[in-house]
Full PDB file with SEQRES, HELIX, SHEET, SSBOND, CRYST1, ORIGX, SCALE, CONECT and MASTER records, all heavy atoms in Angstrom:
SEQRES   1 A   37  GLY ALA LEU ASP LEU GLY CYS HIS GLY ARG GLN TRP ILE          
SEQRES   2 A   37  VAL LEU ARG THR THR PRO ALA PRO THR ILE TYR LEU ASP          
SEQRES   3 A   37  MET GLY TYR LEU SER ASN PRO GLY GLU SER GLU                  
HELIX    1 AA1 ILE A   13  THR A   17  1                                   5    
HELIX    2 AA2 PRO A   33  SER A   36  1                                   4    
CRYST1    1.000    1.000    1.000  90.00  90.00  90.00 P 1           1          
ORIGX1      1.000000  0.000000  0.000000        0.00000                         
ORIGX2      0.000000  1.000000  0.000000        0.00000                         
ORIGX3      0.000000  0.000000  1.000000        0.00000                         
SCALE1      1.000000  0.000000  0.000000        0.00000                         
SCALE2      0.000000  1.000000  0.000000        0.00000                         
SCALE3      0.000000  0.000000  1.000000        0.00000                         
ATOM      1  N   GLY A   1       5.024 -14.052  -4.247  1.00  0.00           N  
ATOM      2  CA  GLY A   1       4.590 -15.071  -3.305  1.00  0.00           C  
ATOM      3  C   GLY A   1       4.218 -14.487  -1.945  1.00  0.00           C  
ATOM      4  O   GLY A   1       3.997 -15.228  -0.980  1.00  0.00           O  
ATOM      5  N   ALA A   2       4.163 -13.144  -1.859  1.00  0.00           N  
ATOM      6  CA  ALA A   2       3.857 -12.484  -0.564  1.00  0.00           C  
ATOM      7  C   ALA A   2       2.360 -12.719  -0.205  1.00  0.00           C  
ATOM      8  O   ALA A   2       1.549 -13.030  -1.084  1.00  0.00           O  
ATOM      9  CB  ALA A   2       4.084 -10.970  -0.751  1.00  0.00           C  
ATOM     10  N   LEU A   3       2.063 -12.540   1.023  1.00  0.00           N  
ATOM     11  CA  LEU A   3       0.682 -12.635   1.516  1.00  0.00           C  
ATOM     12  C   LEU A   3      -0.171 -11.540   0.890  1.00  0.00           C  
ATOM     13  O   LEU A   3       0.254 -10.365   0.850  1.00  0.00           O  
ATOM     14  CB  LEU A   3       0.642 -12.584   3.044  1.00  0.00           C  
ATOM     15  CG  LEU A   3      -0.758 -12.604   3.669  1.00  0.00           C  
ATOM     16  CD1 LEU A   3      -1.379 -13.961   3.491  1.00  0.00           C  
ATOM     17  CD2 LEU A   3      -0.640 -12.257   5.171  1.00  0.00           C  
ATOM     18  N   ASP A   4      -1.380 -11.923   0.387  1.00  0.00           N  
ATOM     19  CA  ASP A   4      -2.202 -10.929  -0.308  1.00  0.00           C  
ATOM     20  C   ASP A   4      -3.124 -10.281   0.750  1.00  0.00           C  
ATOM     21  O   ASP A   4      -4.064 -10.874   1.245  1.00  0.00           O  
ATOM     22  CB  ASP A   4      -3.039 -11.652  -1.321  1.00  0.00           C  
ATOM     23  CG  ASP A   4      -3.891 -10.670  -2.203  1.00  0.00           C  
ATOM     24  OD1 ASP A   4      -3.830  -9.465  -1.902  1.00  0.00           O  
ATOM     25  OD2 ASP A   4      -4.559 -11.212  -3.107  1.00  0.00           O  
ATOM     26  N   LEU A   5      -2.832  -9.010   1.094  1.00  0.00           N  
ATOM     27  CA  LEU A   5      -3.605  -8.262   2.042  1.00  0.00           C  
ATOM     28  C   LEU A   5      -4.740  -7.531   1.347  1.00  0.00           C  
ATOM     29  O   LEU A   5      -5.531  -6.791   1.999  1.00  0.00           O  
ATOM     30  CB  LEU A   5      -2.768  -7.319   2.819  1.00  0.00           C  
ATOM     31  CG  LEU A   5      -1.696  -7.994   3.701  1.00  0.00           C  
ATOM     32  CD1 LEU A   5      -0.917  -6.887   4.476  1.00  0.00           C  
ATOM     33  CD2 LEU A   5      -2.268  -8.974   4.688  1.00  0.00           C  
ATOM     34  N   GLY A   6      -4.908  -7.667   0.031  1.00  0.00           N  
ATOM     35  CA  GLY A   6      -6.018  -7.088  -0.664  1.00  0.00           C  
ATOM     36  C   GLY A   6      -5.852  -5.727  -1.201  1.00  0.00           C  
ATOM     37  O   GLY A   6      -4.834  -5.008  -0.985  1.00  0.00           O  
ATOM     38  N   CYS A   7      -6.937  -5.258  -1.934  1.00  0.00           N  
ATOM     39  CA  CYS A   7      -7.004  -3.937  -2.493  1.00  0.00           C  
ATOM     40  C   CYS A   7      -8.176  -3.175  -1.790  1.00  0.00           C  
ATOM     41  O   CYS A   7      -9.274  -3.693  -1.758  1.00  0.00           O  
ATOM     42  CB  CYS A   7      -7.241  -4.087  -3.978  1.00  0.00           C  
ATOM     43  SG  CYS A   7      -7.464  -2.530  -4.954  1.00  0.00           S  
ATOM     44  N   HIS A   8      -7.882  -2.011  -1.292  1.00  0.00           N  
ATOM     45  CA  HIS A   8      -8.881  -1.325  -0.422  1.00  0.00           C  
ATOM     46  C   HIS A   8      -9.086   0.187  -0.825  1.00  0.00           C  
ATOM     47  O   HIS A   8      -8.144   0.872  -1.230  1.00  0.00           O  
ATOM     48  CB  HIS A   8      -8.350  -1.342   0.988  1.00  0.00           C  
ATOM     49  CG  HIS A   8      -8.021  -2.713   1.450  1.00  0.00           C  
ATOM     50  ND1 HIS A   8      -8.924  -3.699   1.878  1.00  0.00           N  
ATOM     51  CD2 HIS A   8      -6.737  -3.325   1.504  1.00  0.00           C  
ATOM     52  CE1 HIS A   8      -8.278  -4.804   2.140  1.00  0.00           C  
ATOM     53  NE2 HIS A   8      -6.957  -4.615   1.960  1.00  0.00           N  
ATOM     54  N   GLY A   9     -10.290   0.620  -0.686  1.00  0.00           N  
ATOM     55  CA  GLY A   9     -10.608   1.998  -0.794  1.00  0.00           C  
ATOM     56  C   GLY A   9     -10.251   2.732   0.484  1.00  0.00           C  
ATOM     57  O   GLY A   9     -10.517   2.197   1.580  1.00  0.00           O  
ATOM     58  N   ARG A  10      -9.707   3.941   0.328  1.00  0.00           N  
ATOM     59  CA  ARG A  10      -9.260   4.775   1.501  1.00  0.00           C  
ATOM     60  C   ARG A  10      -9.549   6.208   1.166  1.00  0.00           C  
ATOM     61  O   ARG A  10      -9.533   6.588   0.001  1.00  0.00           O  
ATOM     62  CB  ARG A  10      -7.845   4.532   1.848  1.00  0.00           C  
ATOM     63  CG  ARG A  10      -7.492   3.130   2.511  1.00  0.00           C  
ATOM     64  CD  ARG A  10      -8.127   3.064   3.888  1.00  0.00           C  
ATOM     65  NE  ARG A  10      -7.774   1.818   4.573  1.00  0.00           N  
ATOM     66  CZ  ARG A  10      -8.480   0.704   4.550  1.00  0.00           C  
ATOM     67  NH1 ARG A  10      -9.587   0.655   3.804  1.00  0.00           N  
ATOM     68  NH2 ARG A  10      -8.066  -0.373   5.175  1.00  0.00           N  
ATOM     69  N   GLN A  11      -9.591   7.051   2.206  1.00  0.00           N  
ATOM     70  CA  GLN A  11      -9.836   8.426   2.062  1.00  0.00           C  
ATOM     71  C   GLN A  11      -8.531   9.213   2.486  1.00  0.00           C  
ATOM     72  O   GLN A  11      -8.634  10.335   2.929  1.00  0.00           O  
ATOM     73  CB  GLN A  11     -10.998   8.876   2.956  1.00  0.00           C  
ATOM     74  CG  GLN A  11     -12.325   8.438   2.411  1.00  0.00           C  
ATOM     75  CD  GLN A  11     -12.857   9.239   1.254  1.00  0.00           C  
ATOM     76  OE1 GLN A  11     -12.316  10.363   1.006  1.00  0.00           O  
ATOM     77  NE2 GLN A  11     -13.866   8.789   0.598  1.00  0.00           N  
ATOM     78  N   TRP A  12      -7.389   8.613   2.309  1.00  0.00           N  
ATOM     79  CA  TRP A  12      -6.162   9.269   2.656  1.00  0.00           C  
ATOM     80  C   TRP A  12      -5.950  10.511   1.801  1.00  0.00           C  
ATOM     81  O   TRP A  12      -6.392  10.648   0.686  1.00  0.00           O  
ATOM     82  CB  TRP A  12      -4.921   8.332   2.402  1.00  0.00           C  
ATOM     83  CG  TRP A  12      -4.968   7.144   3.331  1.00  0.00           C  
ATOM     84  CD1 TRP A  12      -5.608   7.080   4.576  1.00  0.00           C  
ATOM     85  CD2 TRP A  12      -4.370   5.898   3.073  1.00  0.00           C  
ATOM     86  NE1 TRP A  12      -5.384   5.786   5.048  1.00  0.00           N  
ATOM     87  CE2 TRP A  12      -4.596   5.051   4.234  1.00  0.00           C  
ATOM     88  CE3 TRP A  12      -3.608   5.380   2.014  1.00  0.00           C  
ATOM     89  CZ2 TRP A  12      -4.166   3.776   4.254  1.00  0.00           C  
ATOM     90  CZ3 TRP A  12      -3.116   4.071   2.083  1.00  0.00           C  
ATOM     91  CH2 TRP A  12      -3.358   3.240   3.231  1.00  0.00           C  
ATOM     92  N   ILE A  13      -5.245  11.510   2.398  1.00  0.00           N  
ATOM     93  CA  ILE A  13      -5.090  12.798   1.733  1.00  0.00           C  
ATOM     94  C   ILE A  13      -4.530  12.675   0.371  1.00  0.00           C  
ATOM     95  O   ILE A  13      -5.040  13.300  -0.578  1.00  0.00           O  
ATOM     96  CB  ILE A  13      -4.166  13.727   2.593  1.00  0.00           C  
ATOM     97  CG1 ILE A  13      -4.850  14.065   3.941  1.00  0.00           C  
ATOM     98  CG2 ILE A  13      -3.853  14.980   1.820  1.00  0.00           C  
ATOM     99  CD1 ILE A  13      -6.156  14.927   3.775  1.00  0.00           C  
ATOM    100  N   VAL A  14      -3.467  11.913   0.171  1.00  0.00           N  
ATOM    101  CA  VAL A  14      -2.843  11.785  -1.187  1.00  0.00           C  
ATOM    102  C   VAL A  14      -3.805  11.176  -2.172  1.00  0.00           C  
ATOM    103  O   VAL A  14      -3.803  11.486  -3.382  1.00  0.00           O  
ATOM    104  CB  VAL A  14      -1.518  10.973  -1.071  1.00  0.00           C  
ATOM    105  CG1 VAL A  14      -1.827   9.521  -0.745  1.00  0.00           C  
ATOM    106  CG2 VAL A  14      -0.770  11.086  -2.432  1.00  0.00           C  
ATOM    107  N   LEU A  15      -4.660  10.333  -1.758  1.00  0.00           N  
ATOM    108  CA  LEU A  15      -5.618   9.685  -2.661  1.00  0.00           C  
ATOM    109  C   LEU A  15      -6.802  10.665  -3.004  1.00  0.00           C  
ATOM    110  O   LEU A  15      -7.315  10.721  -4.071  1.00  0.00           O  
ATOM    111  CB  LEU A  15      -6.204   8.409  -2.086  1.00  0.00           C  
ATOM    112  CG  LEU A  15      -5.196   7.252  -1.744  1.00  0.00           C  
ATOM    113  CD1 LEU A  15      -5.891   6.150  -1.065  1.00  0.00           C  
ATOM    114  CD2 LEU A  15      -4.530   6.785  -3.063  1.00  0.00           C  
ATOM    115  N   ARG A  16      -7.244  11.456  -2.049  1.00  0.00           N  
ATOM    116  CA  ARG A  16      -8.357  12.353  -2.210  1.00  0.00           C  
ATOM    117  C   ARG A  16      -7.986  13.597  -2.997  1.00  0.00           C  
ATOM    118  O   ARG A  16      -8.796  14.095  -3.754  1.00  0.00           O  
ATOM    119  CB  ARG A  16      -8.886  12.776  -0.866  1.00  0.00           C  
ATOM    120  CG  ARG A  16      -9.570  11.678  -0.040  1.00  0.00           C  
ATOM    121  CD  ARG A  16     -10.098  12.289   1.296  1.00  0.00           C  
ATOM    122  NE  ARG A  16     -11.058  13.281   1.152  1.00  0.00           N  
ATOM    123  CZ  ARG A  16     -11.028  14.509   1.693  1.00  0.00           C  
ATOM    124  NH1 ARG A  16      -9.981  14.822   2.462  1.00  0.00           N  
ATOM    125  NH2 ARG A  16     -11.952  15.364   1.480  1.00  0.00           N  
ATOM    126  N   THR A  17      -6.801  14.135  -2.750  1.00  0.00           N  
ATOM    127  CA  THR A  17      -6.537  15.472  -3.234  1.00  0.00           C  
ATOM    128  C   THR A  17      -5.657  15.492  -4.504  1.00  0.00           C  
ATOM    129  O   THR A  17      -5.588  16.540  -5.166  1.00  0.00           O  
ATOM    130  CB  THR A  17      -5.803  16.300  -2.158  1.00  0.00           C  
ATOM    131  OG1 THR A  17      -4.522  15.664  -1.806  1.00  0.00           O  
ATOM    132  CG2 THR A  17      -6.645  16.436  -0.895  1.00  0.00           C  
ATOM    133  N   THR A  18      -5.003  14.391  -4.860  1.00  0.00           N  
ATOM    134  CA  THR A  18      -4.234  14.356  -6.093  1.00  0.00           C  
ATOM    135  C   THR A  18      -5.221  14.381  -7.251  1.00  0.00           C  
ATOM    136  O   THR A  18      -6.082  13.578  -7.401  1.00  0.00           O  
ATOM    137  CB  THR A  18      -3.376  13.134  -6.180  1.00  0.00           C  
ATOM    138  OG1 THR A  18      -2.508  13.038  -5.052  1.00  0.00           O  
ATOM    139  CG2 THR A  18      -2.515  13.110  -7.458  1.00  0.00           C  
ATOM    140  N   PRO A  19      -5.017  15.382  -8.169  1.00  0.00           N  
ATOM    141  CA  PRO A  19      -5.986  15.526  -9.329  1.00  0.00           C  
ATOM    142  C   PRO A  19      -5.750  14.560 -10.430  1.00  0.00           C  
ATOM    143  O   PRO A  19      -5.679  14.969 -11.600  1.00  0.00           O  
ATOM    144  CB  PRO A  19      -5.758  16.988  -9.716  1.00  0.00           C  
ATOM    145  CG  PRO A  19      -4.357  17.244  -9.431  1.00  0.00           C  
ATOM    146  CD  PRO A  19      -4.032  16.502  -8.140  1.00  0.00           C  
ATOM    147  N   ALA A  20      -5.559  13.293 -10.125  1.00  0.00           N  
ATOM    148  CA  ALA A  20      -5.303  12.272 -11.166  1.00  0.00           C  
ATOM    149  C   ALA A  20      -5.557  10.965 -10.428  1.00  0.00           C  
ATOM    150  O   ALA A  20      -5.436  10.808  -9.185  1.00  0.00           O  
ATOM    151  CB  ALA A  20      -3.862  12.348 -11.637  1.00  0.00           C  
ATOM    152  N   PRO A  21      -5.904   9.901 -11.193  1.00  0.00           N  
ATOM    153  CA  PRO A  21      -6.116   8.585 -10.535  1.00  0.00           C  
ATOM    154  C   PRO A  21      -4.806   8.163  -9.852  1.00  0.00           C  
ATOM    155  O   PRO A  21      -3.720   8.310 -10.381  1.00  0.00           O  
ATOM    156  CB  PRO A  21      -6.360   7.639 -11.725  1.00  0.00           C  
ATOM    157  CG  PRO A  21      -6.968   8.504 -12.820  1.00  0.00           C  
ATOM    158  CD  PRO A  21      -6.221   9.868 -12.635  1.00  0.00           C  
ATOM    159  N   THR A  22      -4.945   7.799  -8.608  1.00  0.00           N  
ATOM    160  CA  THR A  22      -3.745   7.498  -7.683  1.00  0.00           C  
ATOM    161  C   THR A  22      -3.819   6.111  -7.133  1.00  0.00           C  
ATOM    162  O   THR A  22      -4.878   5.772  -6.590  1.00  0.00           O  
ATOM    163  CB  THR A  22      -3.581   8.584  -6.632  1.00  0.00           C  
ATOM    164  OG1 THR A  22      -3.519   9.872  -7.295  1.00  0.00           O  
ATOM    165  CG2 THR A  22      -2.421   8.333  -5.777  1.00  0.00           C  
ATOM    166  N   ILE A  23      -2.735   5.379  -7.236  1.00  0.00           N  
ATOM    167  CA  ILE A  23      -2.593   4.043  -6.639  1.00  0.00           C  
ATOM    168  C   ILE A  23      -1.549   4.062  -5.579  1.00  0.00           C  
ATOM    169  O   ILE A  23      -0.460   4.559  -5.862  1.00  0.00           O  
ATOM    170  CB  ILE A  23      -2.229   3.058  -7.809  1.00  0.00           C  
ATOM    171  CG1 ILE A  23      -3.314   3.016  -8.897  1.00  0.00           C  
ATOM    172  CG2 ILE A  23      -2.000   1.632  -7.215  1.00  0.00           C  
ATOM    173  CD1 ILE A  23      -2.770   2.442 -10.200  1.00  0.00           C  
ATOM    174  N   TYR A  24      -1.856   3.516  -4.439  1.00  0.00           N  
ATOM    175  CA  TYR A  24      -0.919   3.528  -3.359  1.00  0.00           C  
ATOM    176  C   TYR A  24      -0.489   2.036  -3.107  1.00  0.00           C  
ATOM    177  O   TYR A  24      -1.411   1.226  -2.822  1.00  0.00           O  
ATOM    178  CB  TYR A  24      -1.453   4.113  -2.036  1.00  0.00           C  
ATOM    179  CG  TYR A  24      -0.418   4.424  -0.962  1.00  0.00           C  
ATOM    180  CD1 TYR A  24      -0.054   5.741  -0.668  1.00  0.00           C  
ATOM    181  CD2 TYR A  24       0.192   3.375  -0.257  1.00  0.00           C  
ATOM    182  CE1 TYR A  24       0.889   5.997   0.321  1.00  0.00           C  
ATOM    183  CE2 TYR A  24       1.114   3.665   0.659  1.00  0.00           C  
ATOM    184  CZ  TYR A  24       1.499   4.959   0.998  1.00  0.00           C  
ATOM    185  OH  TYR A  24       2.405   5.202   1.980  1.00  0.00           O  
ATOM    186  N   LEU A  25       0.795   1.718  -3.140  1.00  0.00           N  
ATOM    187  CA  LEU A  25       1.271   0.327  -2.995  1.00  0.00           C  
ATOM    188  C   LEU A  25       2.054   0.163  -1.700  1.00  0.00           C  
ATOM    189  O   LEU A  25       3.050   0.961  -1.511  1.00  0.00           O  
ATOM    190  CB  LEU A  25       2.104  -0.072  -4.162  1.00  0.00           C  
ATOM    191  CG  LEU A  25       1.477   0.071  -5.535  1.00  0.00           C  
ATOM    192  CD1 LEU A  25       2.476  -0.308  -6.662  1.00  0.00           C  
ATOM    193  CD2 LEU A  25       0.188  -0.802  -5.694  1.00  0.00           C  
ATOM    194  N   ASP A  26       1.678  -0.755  -0.848  1.00  0.00           N  
ATOM    195  CA  ASP A  26       2.518  -1.089   0.337  1.00  0.00           C  
ATOM    196  C   ASP A  26       3.247  -2.374  -0.107  1.00  0.00           C  
ATOM    197  O   ASP A  26       2.603  -3.470  -0.317  1.00  0.00           O  
ATOM    198  CB  ASP A  26       1.623  -1.351   1.522  1.00  0.00           C  
ATOM    199  CG  ASP A  26       1.508  -0.164   2.410  1.00  0.00           C  
ATOM    200  OD1 ASP A  26       2.380   0.731   2.359  1.00  0.00           O  
ATOM    201  OD2 ASP A  26       0.604  -0.134   3.207  1.00  0.00           O  
ATOM    202  N   MET A  27       4.583  -2.297  -0.264  1.00  0.00           N  
ATOM    203  CA  MET A  27       5.322  -3.457  -0.789  1.00  0.00           C  
ATOM    204  C   MET A  27       5.700  -4.464   0.233  1.00  0.00           C  
ATOM    205  O   MET A  27       6.315  -5.457  -0.106  1.00  0.00           O  
ATOM    206  CB  MET A  27       6.624  -2.858  -1.471  1.00  0.00           C  
ATOM    207  CG  MET A  27       6.329  -1.826  -2.557  1.00  0.00           C  
ATOM    208  SD  MET A  27       7.779  -1.336  -3.468  1.00  0.00           S  
ATOM    209  CE  MET A  27       8.689  -0.441  -2.117  1.00  0.00           C  
ATOM    210  N   GLY A  28       5.384  -4.273   1.499  1.00  0.00           N  
ATOM    211  CA  GLY A  28       5.726  -5.226   2.520  1.00  0.00           C  
ATOM    212  C   GLY A  28       6.145  -4.573   3.814  1.00  0.00           C  
ATOM    213  O   GLY A  28       6.281  -3.377   3.862  1.00  0.00           O  
ATOM    214  N   TYR A  29       6.332  -5.378   4.843  1.00  0.00           N  
ATOM    215  CA  TYR A  29       6.633  -4.849   6.181  1.00  0.00           C  
ATOM    216  C   TYR A  29       8.139  -4.925   6.478  1.00  0.00           C  
ATOM    217  O   TYR A  29       8.647  -6.064   6.554  1.00  0.00           O  
ATOM    218  CB  TYR A  29       5.832  -5.639   7.214  1.00  0.00           C  
ATOM    219  CG  TYR A  29       4.423  -5.252   7.344  1.00  0.00           C  
ATOM    220  CD1 TYR A  29       3.485  -5.788   6.503  1.00  0.00           C  
ATOM    221  CD2 TYR A  29       3.976  -4.304   8.351  1.00  0.00           C  
ATOM    222  CE1 TYR A  29       2.090  -5.441   6.578  1.00  0.00           C  
ATOM    223  CE2 TYR A  29       2.637  -3.938   8.389  1.00  0.00           C  
ATOM    224  CZ  TYR A  29       1.686  -4.543   7.562  1.00  0.00           C  
ATOM    225  OH  TYR A  29       0.378  -4.172   7.652  1.00  0.00           O  
ATOM    226  N   LEU A  30       8.753  -3.830   6.691  1.00  0.00           N  
ATOM    227  CA  LEU A  30      10.152  -3.832   7.058  1.00  0.00           C  
ATOM    228  C   LEU A  30      10.330  -4.369   8.467  1.00  0.00           C  
ATOM    229  O   LEU A  30      11.472  -4.738   8.847  1.00  0.00           O  
ATOM    230  CB  LEU A  30      10.736  -2.411   6.997  1.00  0.00           C  
ATOM    231  CG  LEU A  30      10.790  -1.762   5.540  1.00  0.00           C  
ATOM    232  CD1 LEU A  30      11.319  -0.415   5.594  1.00  0.00           C  
ATOM    233  CD2 LEU A  30      11.664  -2.709   4.597  1.00  0.00           C  
ATOM    234  N   SER A  31       9.314  -4.461   9.260  1.00  0.00           N  
ATOM    235  CA  SER A  31       9.388  -4.942  10.605  1.00  0.00           C  
ATOM    236  C   SER A  31       9.356  -6.425  10.673  1.00  0.00           C  
ATOM    237  O   SER A  31       9.603  -7.040  11.703  1.00  0.00           O  
ATOM    238  CB  SER A  31       8.239  -4.397  11.497  1.00  0.00           C  
ATOM    239  OG  SER A  31       6.994  -4.564  10.787  1.00  0.00           O  
ATOM    240  N   ASN A  32       9.023  -7.086   9.562  1.00  0.00           N  
ATOM    241  CA  ASN A  32       8.955  -8.510   9.460  1.00  0.00           C  
ATOM    242  C   ASN A  32      10.386  -8.993   8.939  1.00  0.00           C  
ATOM    243  O   ASN A  32      10.751  -8.663   7.793  1.00  0.00           O  
ATOM    244  CB  ASN A  32       7.853  -8.992   8.534  1.00  0.00           C  
ATOM    245  CG  ASN A  32       7.804 -10.513   8.375  1.00  0.00           C  
ATOM    246  OD1 ASN A  32       8.571 -11.111   7.617  1.00  0.00           O  
ATOM    247  ND2 ASN A  32       6.845 -11.086   9.099  1.00  0.00           N  
ATOM    248  N   PRO A  33      11.056  -9.824   9.712  1.00  0.00           N  
ATOM    249  CA  PRO A  33      12.443 -10.205   9.248  1.00  0.00           C  
ATOM    250  C   PRO A  33      12.447 -10.855   7.906  1.00  0.00           C  
ATOM    251  O   PRO A  33      13.357 -10.509   7.079  1.00  0.00           O  
ATOM    252  CB  PRO A  33      12.835 -11.262  10.326  1.00  0.00           C  
ATOM    253  CG  PRO A  33      12.055 -10.812  11.520  1.00  0.00           C  
ATOM    254  CD  PRO A  33      10.693 -10.369  11.007  1.00  0.00           C  
ATOM    255  N   GLY A  34      11.478 -11.684   7.535  1.00  0.00           N  
ATOM    256  CA  GLY A  34      11.477 -12.366   6.269  1.00  0.00           C  
ATOM    257  C   GLY A  34      11.256 -11.363   5.126  1.00  0.00           C  
ATOM    258  O   GLY A  34      11.966 -11.440   4.116  1.00  0.00           O  
ATOM    259  N   GLU A  35      10.240 -10.517   5.260  1.00  0.00           N  
ATOM    260  CA  GLU A  35       9.966  -9.594   4.232  1.00  0.00           C  
ATOM    261  C   GLU A  35      11.060  -8.518   4.113  1.00  0.00           C  
ATOM    262  O   GLU A  35      11.363  -8.054   2.983  1.00  0.00           O  
ATOM    263  CB  GLU A  35       8.631  -8.860   4.486  1.00  0.00           C  
ATOM    264  CG  GLU A  35       7.436  -9.806   4.085  1.00  0.00           C  
ATOM    265  CD  GLU A  35       6.113  -9.087   3.968  1.00  0.00           C  
ATOM    266  OE1 GLU A  35       5.990  -7.960   4.457  1.00  0.00           O  
ATOM    267  OE2 GLU A  35       5.201  -9.686   3.378  1.00  0.00           O  
ATOM    268  N   SER A  36      11.607  -8.132   5.196  1.00  0.00           N  
ATOM    269  CA  SER A  36      12.690  -7.174   5.208  1.00  0.00           C  
ATOM    270  C   SER A  36      13.886  -7.754   4.340  1.00  0.00           C  
ATOM    271  O   SER A  36      14.463  -7.074   3.514  1.00  0.00           O  
ATOM    272  CB  SER A  36      13.208  -6.921   6.653  1.00  0.00           C  
ATOM    273  OG  SER A  36      14.284  -6.027   6.626  1.00  0.00           O  
ATOM    274  N   GLU A  37      14.173  -9.055   4.574  1.00  0.00           N  
ATOM    275  CA  GLU A  37      15.246  -9.719   3.803  1.00  0.00           C  
ATOM    276  C   GLU A  37      14.874  -9.796   2.316  1.00  0.00           C  
ATOM    277  O   GLU A  37      15.760  -9.500   1.481  1.00  0.00           O  
ATOM    278  CB  GLU A  37      15.466 -11.088   4.377  1.00  0.00           C  
ATOM    279  CG  GLU A  37      16.662 -11.811   3.736  1.00  0.00           C  
ATOM    280  CD  GLU A  37      16.940 -13.144   4.428  1.00  0.00           C  
ATOM    281  OE1 GLU A  37      16.630 -13.301   5.617  1.00  0.00           O  
ATOM    282  OE2 GLU A  37      17.483 -14.006   3.760  1.00  0.00           O  
TER     283      GLU A  37                                                      
MASTER        0    0    0    2    0    0    0    6  282    1    0    3          
END                                                                             
């Protein structure tokens, strides 16, 4: 039920240089009291 921030292309080092398909997941904001809980 979390807010959907979408799926995005990025040129981050781990995505560019890892020699395999790589998926990066942000599971939520620890700075947000509700999501932190």
